[in-house]
Amino acid sequence: MKSLSDLILPDSLQWTDQYDWSPVAQEVGRTLGGTLVTWSQGLQKGRPITLEAEDNTTWLTIEQVQVLQVMAAQPGAVFVLTWGTESWPVIFRHQDPPAISFKPLWPHHDLFTGTLRLMSV
């Protein structure tokens, strides 16, 4: 099952960047003498989670879109993303606009494709 708090999401919704994230941050520098210096740190939060409802694969209903719009309009609100057997607390990625975007299959239609940009917290 896939859900965002109480909102059930379509099973065919895709997590497009699920395998693009590394839990390690690293910076590299050199001393004046040319010696390589590295700094590494494990990351515990801030994983980007991009969910896509793509045309010909997944559609969101007008009711789902309206609930997602209300959720995204709450500054700082934390939601629980459930993806199969795993769950994460998430917020909408407003620093990477738009946090949500939807497009009807055709004008004045009640089914939508779209993108949700979330981040683990």
PDB file of N, CA and C in Angstrom:
ATOM      1  N   MET A   1       0.838  -1.184   0.000  1.00  0.00           N
ATOM      2  CA  MET A   1       0.000   0.000   0.000  1.00  0.00           C
ATOM      3  C   MET A   1       0.880   1.243   0.000  1.00  0.00           C
ATOM      4  N   LYS A   2       0.410   2.266  -0.682  1.00  0.00           N
ATOM      5  CA  LYS A   2       1.092   3.547  -0.731  1.00  0.00           C
ATOM      6  C   LYS A   2       0.136   4.615  -0.204  1.00  0.00           C
ATOM      7  N   SER A   3       0.627   5.423   0.736  1.00  0.00           N
ATOM      8  CA  SER A   3      -0.230   6.475   1.282  1.00  0.00           C
ATOM      9  C   SER A   3       0.621   7.637   1.773  1.00  0.00           C
ATOM     10  N   LEU A   4      -0.011   8.780   1.852  1.00  0.00           N
ATOM     11  CA  LEU A   4       0.576   9.967   2.460  1.00  0.00           C
ATOM     12  C   LEU A   4      -0.376  10.356   3.582  1.00  0.00           C
ATOM     13  N   SER A   5       0.024  10.041   4.814  1.00  0.00           N
ATOM     14  CA  SER A   5      -0.843  10.130   5.988  1.00  0.00           C
ATOM     15  C   SER A   5      -2.119   9.341   5.700  1.00  0.00           C
ATOM     16  N   ASP A   6      -3.292   9.956   5.738  1.00  0.00           N
ATOM     17  CA  ASP A   6      -4.545   9.216   5.534  1.00  0.00           C
ATOM     18  C   ASP A   6      -4.949   9.084   4.071  1.00  0.00           C
ATOM     19  N   LEU A   7      -4.215   9.736   3.166  1.00  0.00           N
ATOM     20  CA  LEU A   7      -4.566   9.709   1.745  1.00  0.00           C
ATOM     21  C   LEU A   7      -3.958   8.482   1.073  1.00  0.00           C
ATOM     22  N   ILE A   8      -4.805   7.607   0.556  1.00  0.00           N
ATOM     23  CA  ILE A   8      -4.343   6.428  -0.179  1.00  0.00           C
ATOM     24  C   ILE A   8      -3.893   6.884  -1.568  1.00  0.00           C
ATOM     25  N   LEU A   9      -2.688   6.477  -1.942  1.00  0.00           N
ATOM     26  CA  LEU A   9      -2.119   6.830  -3.244  1.00  0.00           C
ATOM     27  C   LEU A   9      -2.237   5.634  -4.189  1.00  0.00           C
ATOM     28  N   PRO A  10      -2.265   5.879  -5.492  1.00  0.00           N
ATOM     29  CA  PRO A  10      -2.362   4.769  -6.443  1.00  0.00           C
ATOM     30  C   PRO A  10      -1.155   3.830  -6.323  1.00  0.00           C
ATOM     31  N   ASP A  11      -1.390   2.536  -6.414  1.00  0.00           N
ATOM     32  CA  ASP A  11      -0.297   1.559  -6.346  1.00  0.00           C
ATOM     33  C   ASP A  11       0.702   1.734  -7.478  1.00  0.00           C
ATOM     34  N   SER A  12       0.273   2.273  -8.599  1.00  0.00           N
ATOM     35  CA  SER A  12       1.168   2.435  -9.742  1.00  0.00           C
ATOM     36  C   SER A  12       1.979   3.732  -9.690  1.00  0.00           C
ATOM     37  N   LEU A  13       1.809   4.541  -8.639  1.00  0.00           N
ATOM     38  CA  LEU A  13       2.612   5.757  -8.475  1.00  0.00           C
ATOM     39  C   LEU A  13       4.083   5.371  -8.399  1.00  0.00           C
ATOM     40  N   GLN A  14       4.949   6.120  -9.081  1.00  0.00           N
ATOM     41  CA  GLN A  14       6.374   5.800  -9.142  1.00  0.00           C
ATOM     42  C   GLN A  14       7.201   6.731  -8.265  1.00  0.00           C
ATOM     43  N   TRP A  15       8.176   6.181  -7.556  1.00  0.00           N
ATOM     44  CA  TRP A  15       9.155   6.947  -6.788  1.00  0.00           C
ATOM     45  C   TRP A  15      10.383   7.033  -7.688  1.00  0.00           C
ATOM     46  N   THR A  16      10.485   8.130  -8.433  1.00  0.00           N
ATOM     47  CA  THR A  16      11.461   8.203  -9.522  1.00  0.00           C
ATOM     48  C   THR A  16      12.907   8.363  -9.071  1.00  0.00           C
ATOM     49  N   ASP A  17      13.152   8.902  -7.877  1.00  0.00           N
ATOM     50  CA  ASP A  17      14.534   9.072  -7.421  1.00  0.00           C
ATOM     51  C   ASP A  17      14.859   8.164  -6.234  1.00  0.00           C
ATOM     52  N   GLN A  18      14.156   7.048  -6.137  1.00  0.00           N
ATOM     53  CA  GLN A  18      14.316   6.138  -5.001  1.00  0.00           C
ATOM     54  C   GLN A  18      15.753   5.625  -4.869  1.00  0.00           C
ATOM     55  N   TYR A  19      16.432   5.412  -5.969  1.00  0.00           N
ATOM     56  CA  TYR A  19      17.778   4.844  -5.930  1.00  0.00           C
ATOM     57  C   TYR A  19      18.852   5.856  -6.313  1.00  0.00           C
ATOM     58  N   ASP A  20      18.509   7.149  -6.289  1.00  0.00           N
ATOM     59  CA  ASP A  20      19.460   8.198  -6.666  1.00  0.00           C
ATOM     60  C   ASP A  20      20.105   8.894  -5.477  1.00  0.00           C
ATOM     61  N   TRP A  21      19.784   8.503  -4.262  1.00  0.00           N
ATOM     62  CA  TRP A  21      20.239   9.219  -3.080  1.00  0.00           C
ATOM     63  C   TRP A  21      21.338   8.442  -2.380  1.00  0.00           C
ATOM     64  N   SER A  22      22.341   9.162  -1.910  1.00  0.00           N
ATOM     65  CA  SER A  22      23.404   8.554  -1.121  1.00  0.00           C
ATOM     66  C   SER A  22      23.308   9.077   0.306  1.00  0.00           C
ATOM     67  N   PRO A  23      23.399   8.217   1.302  1.00  0.00           N
ATOM     68  CA  PRO A  23      23.293   8.655   2.694  1.00  0.00           C
ATOM     69  C   PRO A  23      24.596   9.218   3.260  1.00  0.00           C
ATOM     70  N   VAL A  24      25.519   9.613   2.384  1.00  0.00           N
ATOM     71  CA  VAL A  24      26.806  10.156   2.821  1.00  0.00           C
ATOM     72  C   VAL A  24      27.060  11.485   2.117  1.00  0.00           C
ATOM     73  N   ALA A  25      27.466  12.491   2.894  1.00  0.00           N
ATOM     74  CA  ALA A  25      27.920  13.767   2.329  1.00  0.00           C
ATOM     75  C   ALA A  25      29.442  13.785   2.415  1.00  0.00           C
ATOM     76  N   GLN A  26      30.080  14.329   1.395  1.00  0.00           N
ATOM     77  CA  GLN A  26      31.538  14.362   1.389  1.00  0.00           C
ATOM     78  C   GLN A  26      32.024  15.637   0.726  1.00  0.00           C
ATOM     79  N   GLU A  27      33.061  16.202   1.297  1.00  0.00           N
ATOM     80  CA  GLU A  27      33.752  17.341   0.692  1.00  0.00           C
ATOM     81  C   GLU A  27      35.221  16.994   0.582  1.00  0.00           C
ATOM     82  N   VAL A  28      35.850  17.517  -0.440  1.00  0.00           N
ATOM     83  CA  VAL A  28      37.257  17.231  -0.699  1.00  0.00           C
ATOM     84  C   VAL A  28      37.992  18.551  -0.858  1.00  0.00           C
ATOM     85  N   GLY A  29      39.172  18.614  -0.295  1.00  0.00           N
ATOM     86  CA  GLY A  29      40.010  19.807  -0.440  1.00  0.00           C
ATOM     87  C   GLY A  29      41.470  19.414  -0.457  1.00  0.00           C
ATOM     88  N   ARG A  30      42.333  20.398  -0.618  1.00  0.00           N
ATOM     89  CA  ARG A  30      43.784  20.166  -0.605  1.00  0.00           C
ATOM     90  C   ARG A  30      44.444  21.188   0.301  1.00  0.00           C
ATOM     91  N   THR A  31      45.478  20.747   0.951  1.00  0.00           N
ATOM     92  CA  THR A  31      46.272  21.672   1.752  1.00  0.00           C
ATOM     93  C   THR A  31      47.151  22.483   0.816  1.00  0.00           C
ATOM     94  N   LEU A  32      47.811  23.514   1.346  1.00  0.00           N
ATOM     95  CA  LEU A  32      48.739  24.305   0.524  1.00  0.00           C
ATOM     96  C   LEU A  32      49.878  23.447  -0.010  1.00  0.00           C
ATOM     97  N   GLY A  33      50.216  22.382   0.697  1.00  0.00           N
ATOM     98  CA  GLY A  33      51.269  21.474   0.259  1.00  0.00           C
ATOM     99  C   GLY A  33      50.790  20.444  -0.760  1.00  0.00           C
ATOM    100  N   GLY A  34      49.491  20.439  -1.089  1.00  0.00           N
ATOM    101  CA  GLY A  34      48.959  19.537  -2.105  1.00  0.00           C
ATOM    102  C   GLY A  34      48.374  18.243  -1.576  1.00  0.00           C
ATOM    103  N   THR A  35      48.369  18.063  -0.258  1.00  0.00           N
ATOM    104  CA  THR A  35      47.809  16.839   0.317  1.00  0.00           C
ATOM    105  C   THR A  35      46.285  16.852   0.228  1.00  0.00           C
ATOM    106  N   LEU A  36      45.731  15.720  -0.153  1.00  0.00           N
ATOM    107  CA  LEU A  36      44.280  15.570  -0.250  1.00  0.00           C
ATOM    108  C   LEU A  36      43.682  15.442   1.147  1.00  0.00           C
ATOM    109  N   VAL A  37      42.600  16.192   1.401  1.00  0.00           N
ATOM    110  CA  VAL A  37      41.880  16.120   2.664  1.00  0.00           C
ATOM    111  C   VAL A  37      40.407  15.873   2.329  1.00  0.00           C
ATOM    112  N   THR A  38      39.809  14.876   3.011  1.00  0.00           N
ATOM    113  CA  THR A  38      38.390  14.601   2.779  1.00  0.00           C
ATOM    114  C   THR A  38      37.632  14.672   4.096  1.00  0.00           C
ATOM    115  N   TRP A  39      36.383  15.100   4.005  1.00  0.00           N
ATOM    116  CA  TRP A  39      35.470  15.134   5.134  1.00  0.00           C
ATOM    117  C   TRP A  39      34.218  14.373   4.711  1.00  0.00           C
ATOM    118  N   SER A  40      33.804  13.432   5.525  1.00  0.00           N
ATOM    119  CA  SER A  40      32.606  12.640   5.232  1.00  0.00           C
ATOM    120  C   SER A  40      31.696  12.616   6.447  1.00  0.00           C
ATOM    121  N   GLN A  41      30.413  12.564   6.178  1.00  0.00           N
ATOM    122  CA  GLN A  41      29.428  12.508   7.258  1.00  0.00           C
ATOM    123  C   GLN A  41      28.209  11.748   6.757  1.00  0.00           C
ATOM    124  N   GLY A  42      27.693  10.895   7.587  1.00  0.00           N
ATOM    125  CA  GLY A  42      26.450  10.194   7.255  1.00  0.00           C
ATOM    126  C   GLY A  42      25.265  11.138   7.363  1.00  0.00           C
ATOM    127  N   LEU A  43      24.327  10.998   6.449  1.00  0.00           N
ATOM    128  CA  LEU A  43      23.121  11.824   6.450  1.00  0.00           C
ATOM    129  C   LEU A  43      21.966  11.023   7.026  1.00  0.00           C
ATOM    130  N   GLN A  44      21.179  11.659   7.870  1.00  0.00           N
ATOM    131  CA  GLN A  44      20.065  10.954   8.487  1.00  0.00           C
ATOM    132  C   GLN A  44      18.710  11.461   8.010  1.00  0.00           C
ATOM    133  N   LYS A  45      18.644  12.664   7.518  1.00  0.00           N
ATOM    134  CA  LYS A  45      17.381  13.241   7.058  1.00  0.00           C
ATOM    135  C   LYS A  45      17.644  14.032   5.783  1.00  0.00           C
ATOM    136  N   GLY A  46      16.564  14.444   5.130  1.00  0.00           N
ATOM    137  CA  GLY A  46      16.710  15.276   3.942  1.00  0.00           C
ATOM    138  C   GLY A  46      16.726  14.515   2.634  1.00  0.00           C
ATOM    139  N   ARG A  47      16.373  13.248   2.667  1.00  0.00           N
ATOM    140  CA  ARG A  47      16.334  12.461   1.430  1.00  0.00           C
ATOM    141  C   ARG A  47      15.220  12.971   0.531  1.00  0.00           C
ATOM    142  N   PRO A  48      15.529  13.361  -0.707  1.00  0.00           N
ATOM    143  CA  PRO A  48      14.462  13.769  -1.619  1.00  0.00           C
ATOM    144  C   PRO A  48      13.636  12.565  -2.050  1.00  0.00           C
ATOM    145  N   ILE A  49      12.326  12.771  -2.094  1.00  0.00           N
ATOM    146  CA  ILE A  49      11.397  11.724  -2.522  1.00  0.00           C
ATOM    147  C   ILE A  49      10.466  12.357  -3.557  1.00  0.00           C
ATOM    148  N   THR A  50      10.648  11.972  -4.806  1.00  0.00           N
ATOM    149  CA  THR A  50       9.840  12.509  -5.898  1.00  0.00           C
ATOM    150  C   THR A  50       8.899  11.418  -6.384  1.00  0.00           C
ATOM    151  N   LEU A  51       7.613  11.689  -6.267  1.00  0.00           N
ATOM    152  CA  LEU A  51       6.593  10.728  -6.681  1.00  0.00           C
ATOM    153  C   LEU A  51       5.942  11.219  -7.962  1.00  0.00           C
ATOM    154  N   GLU A  52       5.830  10.335  -8.943  1.00  0.00           N
ATOM    155  CA  GLU A  52       5.307  10.704 -10.265  1.00  0.00           C
ATOM    156  C   GLU A  52       4.083   9.871 -10.630  1.00  0.00           C
ATOM    157  N   ALA A  53       3.047  10.551 -11.038  1.00  0.00           N
ATOM    158  CA  ALA A  53       1.886   9.918 -11.663  1.00  0.00           C
ATOM    159  C   ALA A  53       2.020  10.229 -13.149  1.00  0.00           C
ATOM    160  N   GLU A  54       2.513   9.257 -13.898  1.00  0.00           N
ATOM    161  CA  GLU A  54       2.829   9.476 -15.310  1.00  0.00           C
ATOM    162  C   GLU A  54       1.671   9.079 -16.215  1.00  0.00           C
ATOM    163  N   ASP A  55       1.565   9.771 -17.338  1.00  0.00           N
ATOM    164  CA  ASP A  55       0.519   9.504 -18.313  1.00  0.00           C
ATOM    165  C   ASP A  55       0.593   8.054 -18.789  1.00  0.00           C
ATOM    166  N   ASN A  56      -0.541   7.461 -19.022  1.00  0.00           N
ATOM    167  CA  ASN A  56      -0.703   6.072 -19.472  1.00  0.00           C
ATOM    168  C   ASN A  56      -0.295   5.050 -18.421  1.00  0.00           C
ATOM    169  N   THR A  57       0.061   5.490 -17.217  1.00  0.00           N
ATOM    170  CA  THR A  57       0.457   4.566 -16.159  1.00  0.00           C
ATOM    171  C   THR A  57      -0.350   4.780 -14.899  1.00  0.00           C
ATOM    172  N   THR A  58      -0.387   6.026 -14.436  1.00  0.00           N
ATOM    173  CA  THR A  58      -1.019   6.358 -13.162  1.00  0.00           C
ATOM    174  C   THR A  58      -1.796   7.645 -13.289  1.00  0.00           C
ATOM    175  N   TRP A  59      -2.976   7.656 -12.688  1.00  0.00           N
ATOM    176  CA  TRP A  59      -3.769   8.869 -12.659  1.00  0.00           C
ATOM    177  C   TRP A  59      -4.224   9.133 -11.237  1.00  0.00           C
ATOM    178  N   LEU A  60      -4.274  10.396 -10.890  1.00  0.00           N
ATOM    179  CA  LEU A  60      -4.813  10.834  -9.610  1.00  0.00           C
ATOM    180  C   LEU A  60      -6.210  11.385  -9.838  1.00  0.00           C
ATOM    181  N   THR A  61      -7.110  11.136  -8.916  1.00  0.00           N
ATOM    182  CA  THR A  61      -8.465  11.672  -9.035  1.00  0.00           C
ATOM    183  C   THR A  61      -8.479  13.133  -8.596  1.00  0.00           C
ATOM    184  N   ILE A  62      -9.533  13.838  -8.958  1.00  0.00           N
ATOM    185  CA  ILE A  62      -9.688  15.231  -8.542  1.00  0.00           C
ATOM    186  C   ILE A  62      -9.704  15.323  -7.016  1.00  0.00           C
ATOM    187  N   GLU A  63     -10.304  14.345  -6.348  1.00  0.00           N
ATOM    188  CA  GLU A  63     -10.348  14.350  -4.878  1.00  0.00           C
ATOM    189  C   GLU A  63      -8.945  14.201  -4.283  1.00  0.00           C
ATOM    190  N   GLN A  64      -8.130  13.326  -4.857  1.00  0.00           N
ATOM    191  CA  GLN A  64      -6.750  13.164  -4.382  1.00  0.00           C
ATOM    192  C   GLN A  64      -5.944  14.437  -4.602  1.00  0.00           C
ATOM    193  N   VAL A  65      -6.110  15.046  -5.764  1.00  0.00           N
ATOM    194  CA  VAL A  65      -5.397  16.289  -6.072  1.00  0.00           C
ATOM    195  C   VAL A  65      -5.791  17.387  -5.086  1.00  0.00           C
ATOM    196  N   GLN A  66      -7.063  17.505  -4.797  1.00  0.00           N
ATOM    197  CA  GLN A  66      -7.517  18.543  -3.862  1.00  0.00           C
ATOM    198  C   GLN A  66      -6.964  18.322  -2.458  1.00  0.00           C
ATOM    199  N   VAL A  67      -6.930  17.069  -2.006  1.00  0.00           N
ATOM    200  CA  VAL A  67      -6.353  16.778  -0.686  1.00  0.00           C
ATOM    201  C   VAL A  67      -4.862  17.101  -0.682  1.00  0.00           C
ATOM    202  N   LEU A  68      -4.151  16.734  -1.726  1.00  0.00           N
ATOM    203  CA  LEU A  68      -2.716  17.030  -1.810  1.00  0.00           C
ATOM    204  C   LEU A  68      -2.460  18.535  -1.828  1.00  0.00           C
ATOM    205  N   GLN A  69      -3.305  19.299  -2.491  1.00  0.00           N
ATOM    206  CA  GLN A  69      -3.159  20.755  -2.495  1.00  0.00           C
ATOM    207  C   GLN A  69      -3.316  21.330  -1.091  1.00  0.00           C
ATOM    208  N   VAL A  70      -4.282  20.821  -0.338  1.00  0.00           N
ATOM    209  CA  VAL A  70      -4.483  21.272   1.046  1.00  0.00           C
ATOM    210  C   VAL A  70      -3.273  20.893   1.899  1.00  0.00           C
ATOM    211  N   MET A  71      -2.778  19.675   1.733  1.00  0.00           N
ATOM    212  CA  MET A  71      -1.615  19.226   2.507  1.00  0.00           C
ATOM    213  C   MET A  71      -0.400  20.103   2.210  1.00  0.00           C
ATOM    214  N   ALA A  72      -0.144  20.362   0.944  1.00  0.00           N
ATOM    215  CA  ALA A  72       1.036  21.138   0.548  1.00  0.00           C
ATOM    216  C   ALA A  72       0.943  22.593   0.982  1.00  0.00           C
ATOM    217  N   ALA A  73      -0.256  23.082   1.246  1.00  0.00           N
ATOM    218  CA  ALA A  73      -0.446  24.484   1.646  1.00  0.00           C
ATOM    219  C   ALA A  73      -0.217  24.708   3.144  1.00  0.00           C
ATOM    220  N   GLN A  74       0.142  23.664   3.878  1.00  0.00           N
ATOM    221  CA  GLN A  74       0.371  23.777   5.317  1.00  0.00           C
ATOM    222  C   GLN A  74       1.872  23.932   5.585  1.00  0.00           C
ATOM    223  N   PRO A  75       2.332  25.143   5.891  1.00  0.00           N
ATOM    224  CA  PRO A  75       3.764  25.358   6.113  1.00  0.00           C
ATOM    225  C   PRO A  75       4.301  24.501   7.260  1.00  0.00           C
ATOM    226  N   GLY A  76       5.371  23.774   6.994  1.00  0.00           N
ATOM    227  CA  GLY A  76       6.032  22.996   8.029  1.00  0.00           C
ATOM    228  C   GLY A  76       5.332  21.728   8.458  1.00  0.00           C
ATOM    229  N   ALA A  77       4.212  21.388   7.851  1.00  0.00           N
ATOM    230  CA  ALA A  77       3.463  20.195   8.253  1.00  0.00           C
ATOM    231  C   ALA A  77       4.241  18.928   7.889  1.00  0.00           C
ATOM    232  N   VAL A  78       4.250  17.979   8.805  1.00  0.00           N
ATOM    233  CA  VAL A  78       4.928  16.698   8.605  1.00  0.00           C
ATOM    234  C   VAL A  78       3.863  15.624   8.373  1.00  0.00           C
ATOM    235  N   PHE A  79       4.071  14.827   7.342  1.00  0.00           N
ATOM    236  CA  PHE A  79       3.156  13.750   6.983  1.00  0.00           C
ATOM    237  C   PHE A  79       3.922  12.430   6.994  1.00  0.00           C
ATOM    238  N   VAL A  80       3.218  11.334   7.053  1.00  0.00           N
ATOM    239  CA  VAL A  80       3.851  10.018   7.023  1.00  0.00           C
ATOM    240  C   VAL A  80       3.638   9.410   5.648  1.00  0.00           C
ATOM    241  N   LEU A  81       4.735   9.151   4.948  1.00  0.00           N
ATOM    242  CA  LEU A  81       4.680   8.465   3.660  1.00  0.00           C
ATOM    243  C   LEU A  81       4.869   6.981   3.923  1.00  0.00           C
ATOM    244  N   THR A  82       3.888   6.189   3.522  1.00  0.00           N
ATOM    245  CA  THR A  82       3.991   4.737   3.616  1.00  0.00           C
ATOM    246  C   THR A  82       4.171   4.206   2.208  1.00  0.00           C
ATOM    247  N   TRP A  83       5.210   3.423   2.034  1.00  0.00           N
ATOM    248  CA  TRP A  83       5.546   2.855   0.727  1.00  0.00           C
ATOM    249  C   TRP A  83       5.772   1.361   0.941  1.00  0.00           C
ATOM    250  N   GLY A  84       4.733   0.586   0.712  1.00  0.00           N
ATOM    251  CA  GLY A  84       4.830  -0.847   0.985  1.00  0.00           C
ATOM    252  C   GLY A  84       4.900  -1.080   2.484  1.00  0.00           C
ATOM    253  N   THR A  85       5.995  -1.673   2.933  1.00  0.00           N
ATOM    254  CA  THR A  85       6.156  -1.982   4.354  1.00  0.00           C
ATOM    255  C   THR A  85       6.978  -0.935   5.096  1.00  0.00           C
ATOM    256  N   GLU A  86       7.450   0.104   4.414  1.00  0.00           N
ATOM    257  CA  GLU A  86       8.288   1.131   5.043  1.00  0.00           C
ATOM    258  C   GLU A  86       7.529   2.448   5.168  1.00  0.00           C
ATOM    259  N   SER A  87       7.924   3.249   6.155  1.00  0.00           N
ATOM    260  CA  SER A  87       7.301   4.562   6.369  1.00  0.00           C
ATOM    261  C   SER A  87       8.366   5.588   6.716  1.00  0.00           C
ATOM    262  N   TRP A  88       8.134   6.829   6.294  1.00  0.00           N
ATOM    263  CA  TRP A  88       9.039   7.941   6.584  1.00  0.00           C
ATOM    264  C   TRP A  88       8.224   9.174   6.919  1.00  0.00           C
ATOM    265  N   PRO A  89       8.668   9.975   7.894  1.00  0.00           N
ATOM    266  CA  PRO A  89       8.070  11.297   8.070  1.00  0.00           C
ATOM    267  C   PRO A  89       8.616  12.200   6.956  1.00  0.00           C
ATOM    268  N   VAL A  90       7.727  12.941   6.303  1.00  0.00           N
ATOM    269  CA  VAL A  90       8.131  13.771   5.159  1.00  0.00           C
ATOM    270  C   VAL A  90       7.473  15.143   5.236  1.00  0.00           C
ATOM    271  N   ILE A  91       8.088  16.089   4.549  1.00  0.00           N
ATOM    272  CA  ILE A  91       7.497  17.404   4.305  1.00  0.00           C
ATOM    273  C   ILE A  91       7.543  17.650   2.807  1.00  0.00           C
ATOM    274  N   PHE A  92       6.767  18.614   2.343  1.00  0.00           N
ATOM    275  CA  PHE A  92       6.807  18.990   0.933  1.00  0.00           C
ATOM    276  C   PHE A  92       8.067  19.822   0.684  1.00  0.00           C
ATOM    277  N   ARG A  93       8.722  19.617  -0.463  1.00  0.00           N
ATOM    278  CA  ARG A  93       9.956  20.324  -0.818  1.00  0.00           C
ATOM    279  C   ARG A  93       9.618  21.664  -1.474  1.00  0.00           C
ATOM    280  N   HIS A  94       9.254  22.640  -0.666  1.00  0.00           N
ATOM    281  CA  HIS A  94       8.930  23.958  -1.202  1.00  0.00           C
ATOM    282  C   HIS A  94      10.178  24.707  -1.660  1.00  0.00           C
ATOM    283  N   GLN A  95      11.359  24.279  -1.208  1.00  0.00           N
ATOM    284  CA  GLN A  95      12.599  24.914  -1.660  1.00  0.00           C
ATOM    285  C   GLN A  95      12.954  24.482  -3.080  1.00  0.00           C
ATOM    286  N   ASP A  96      12.233  23.498  -3.611  1.00  0.00           N
ATOM    287  CA  ASP A  96      12.451  22.960  -4.957  1.00  0.00           C
ATOM    288  C   ASP A  96      11.134  23.067  -5.723  1.00  0.00           C
ATOM    289  N   PRO A  97      10.672  24.325  -5.978  1.00  0.00           N
ATOM    290  CA  PRO A  97       9.322  24.509  -6.525  1.00  0.00           C
ATOM    291  C   PRO A  97       9.149  23.963  -7.937  1.00  0.00           C
ATOM    292  N   PRO A  98       7.929  23.600  -8.269  1.00  0.00           N
ATOM    293  CA  PRO A  98       6.768  23.537  -7.398  1.00  0.00           C
ATOM    294  C   PRO A  98       6.788  22.250  -6.576  1.00  0.00           C
ATOM    295  N   ALA A  99       6.341  22.324  -5.333  1.00  0.00           N
ATOM    296  CA  ALA A  99       6.299  21.148  -4.463  1.00  0.00           C
ATOM    297  C   ALA A  99       5.301  20.121  -4.995  1.00  0.00           C
ATOM    298  N   ILE A 100       4.240  20.593  -5.628  1.00  0.00           N
ATOM    299  CA  ILE A 100       3.282  19.712  -6.297  1.00  0.00           C
ATOM    300  C   ILE A 100       2.935  20.335  -7.644  1.00  0.00           C
ATOM    301  N   SER A 101       2.681  19.508  -8.618  1.00  0.00           N
ATOM    302  CA  SER A 101       2.188  19.998  -9.910  1.00  0.00           C
ATOM    303  C   SER A 101       1.320  18.915 -10.529  1.00  0.00           C
ATOM    304  N   PHE A 102       0.181  19.334 -11.047  1.00  0.00           N
ATOM    305  CA  PHE A 102      -0.781  18.403 -11.620  1.00  0.00           C
ATOM    306  C   PHE A 102      -1.269  18.925 -12.956  1.00  0.00           C
ATOM    307  N   LYS A 103      -1.604  17.990 -13.824  1.00  0.00           N
ATOM    308  CA  LYS A 103      -2.101  18.341 -15.153  1.00  0.00           C
ATOM    309  C   LYS A 103      -3.241  17.383 -15.495  1.00  0.00           C
ATOM    310  N   PRO A 104      -4.419  17.923 -15.866  1.00  0.00           N
ATOM    311  CA  PRO A 104      -5.522  17.024 -16.233  1.00  0.00           C
ATOM    312  C   PRO A 104      -5.184  16.247 -17.512  1.00  0.00           C
ATOM    313  N   LEU A 105      -5.756  15.050 -17.634  1.00  0.00           N
ATOM    314  CA  LEU A 105      -5.503  14.251 -18.835  1.00  0.00           C
ATOM    315  C   LEU A 105      -5.883  15.016 -20.088  1.00  0.00           C
ATOM    316  N   TRP A 106      -6.976  15.743 -20.013  1.00  0.00           N
ATOM    317  CA  TRP A 106      -7.367  16.703 -21.032  1.00  0.00           C
ATOM    318  C   TRP A 106      -8.210  17.755 -20.329  1.00  0.00           C
ATOM    319  N   PRO A 107      -8.426  18.906 -20.945  1.00  0.00           N
ATOM    320  CA  PRO A 107      -9.125  19.992 -20.243  1.00  0.00           C
ATOM    321  C   PRO A 107     -10.451  19.548 -19.642  1.00  0.00           C
ATOM    322  N   HIS A 108     -10.702  20.027 -18.438  1.00  0.00           N
ATOM    323  CA  HIS A 108     -11.951  19.781 -17.708  1.00  0.00           C
ATOM    324  C   HIS A 108     -12.182  18.302 -17.408  1.00  0.00           C
ATOM    325  N   HIS A 109     -11.112  17.566 -17.194  1.00  0.00           N
ATOM    326  CA  HIS A 109     -11.215  16.143 -16.869  1.00  0.00           C
ATOM    327  C   HIS A 109     -10.916  15.940 -15.390  1.00  0.00           C
ATOM    328  N   ASP A 110     -11.456  14.880 -14.800  1.00  0.00           N
ATOM    329  CA  ASP A 110     -11.285  14.621 -13.362  1.00  0.00           C
ATOM    330  C   ASP A 110     -10.138  13.685 -13.026  1.00  0.00           C
ATOM    331  N   LEU A 111      -9.312  13.308 -13.999  1.00  0.00           N
ATOM    332  CA  LEU A 111      -8.121  12.509 -13.749  1.00  0.00           C
ATOM    333  C   LEU A 111      -6.893  13.322 -14.109  1.00  0.00           C
ATOM    334  N   PHE A 112      -5.832  13.168 -13.286  1.00  0.00           N
ATOM    335  CA  PHE A 112      -4.642  14.004 -13.425  1.00  0.00           C
ATOM    336  C   PHE A 112      -3.364  13.169 -13.411  1.00  0.00           C
ATOM    337  N   THR A 113      -2.347  13.679 -14.098  1.00  0.00           N
ATOM    338  CA  THR A 113      -0.978  13.211 -13.904  1.00  0.00           C
ATOM    339  C   THR A 113      -0.300  14.287 -13.064  1.00  0.00           C
ATOM    340  N   GLY A 114       0.875  13.973 -12.537  1.00  0.00           N
ATOM    341  CA  GLY A 114       1.527  15.010 -11.743  1.00  0.00           C
ATOM    342  C   GLY A 114       2.710  14.516 -10.945  1.00  0.00           C
ATOM    343  N   THR A 115       3.271  15.458 -10.185  1.00  0.00           N
ATOM    344  CA  THR A 115       4.480  15.215  -9.410  1.00  0.00           C
ATOM    345  C   THR A 115       4.323  15.748  -8.002  1.00  0.00           C
ATOM    346  N   LEU A 116       4.802  14.968  -7.032  1.00  0.00           N
ATOM    347  CA  LEU A 116       4.874  15.403  -5.631  1.00  0.00           C
ATOM    348  C   LEU A 116       6.342  15.388  -5.251  1.00  0.00           C
ATOM    349  N   ARG A 117       6.833  16.505  -4.744  1.00  0.00           N
ATOM    350  CA  ARG A 117       8.216  16.591  -4.295  1.00  0.00           C
ATOM    351  C   ARG A 117       8.232  16.647  -2.776  1.00  0.00           C
ATOM    352  N   LEU A 118       8.730  15.580  -2.165  1.00  0.00           N
ATOM    353  CA  LEU A 118       8.770  15.444  -0.716  1.00  0.00           C
ATOM    354  C   LEU A 118      10.219  15.315  -0.251  1.00  0.00           C
ATOM    355  N   MET A 119      10.411  15.378   1.066  1.00  0.00           N
ATOM    356  CA  MET A 119      11.742  15.210   1.657  1.00  0.00           C
ATOM    357  C   MET A 119      11.575  14.578   3.035  1.00  0.00           C
ATOM    358  N   SER A 120      12.407  13.581   3.331  1.00  0.00           N
ATOM    359  CA  SER A 120      12.326  12.951   4.655  1.00  0.00           C
ATOM    360  C   SER A 120      12.841  13.902   5.725  1.00  0.00           C
ATOM    361  N   VAL A 121      12.225  13.831   6.899  1.00  0.00           N
ATOM    362  CA  VAL A 121      12.641  14.688   8.035  1.00  0.00           C
ATOM    363  C   VAL A 121      12.748  13.857   9.302  1.00  0.00           C
TER     364      VAL A 121
END
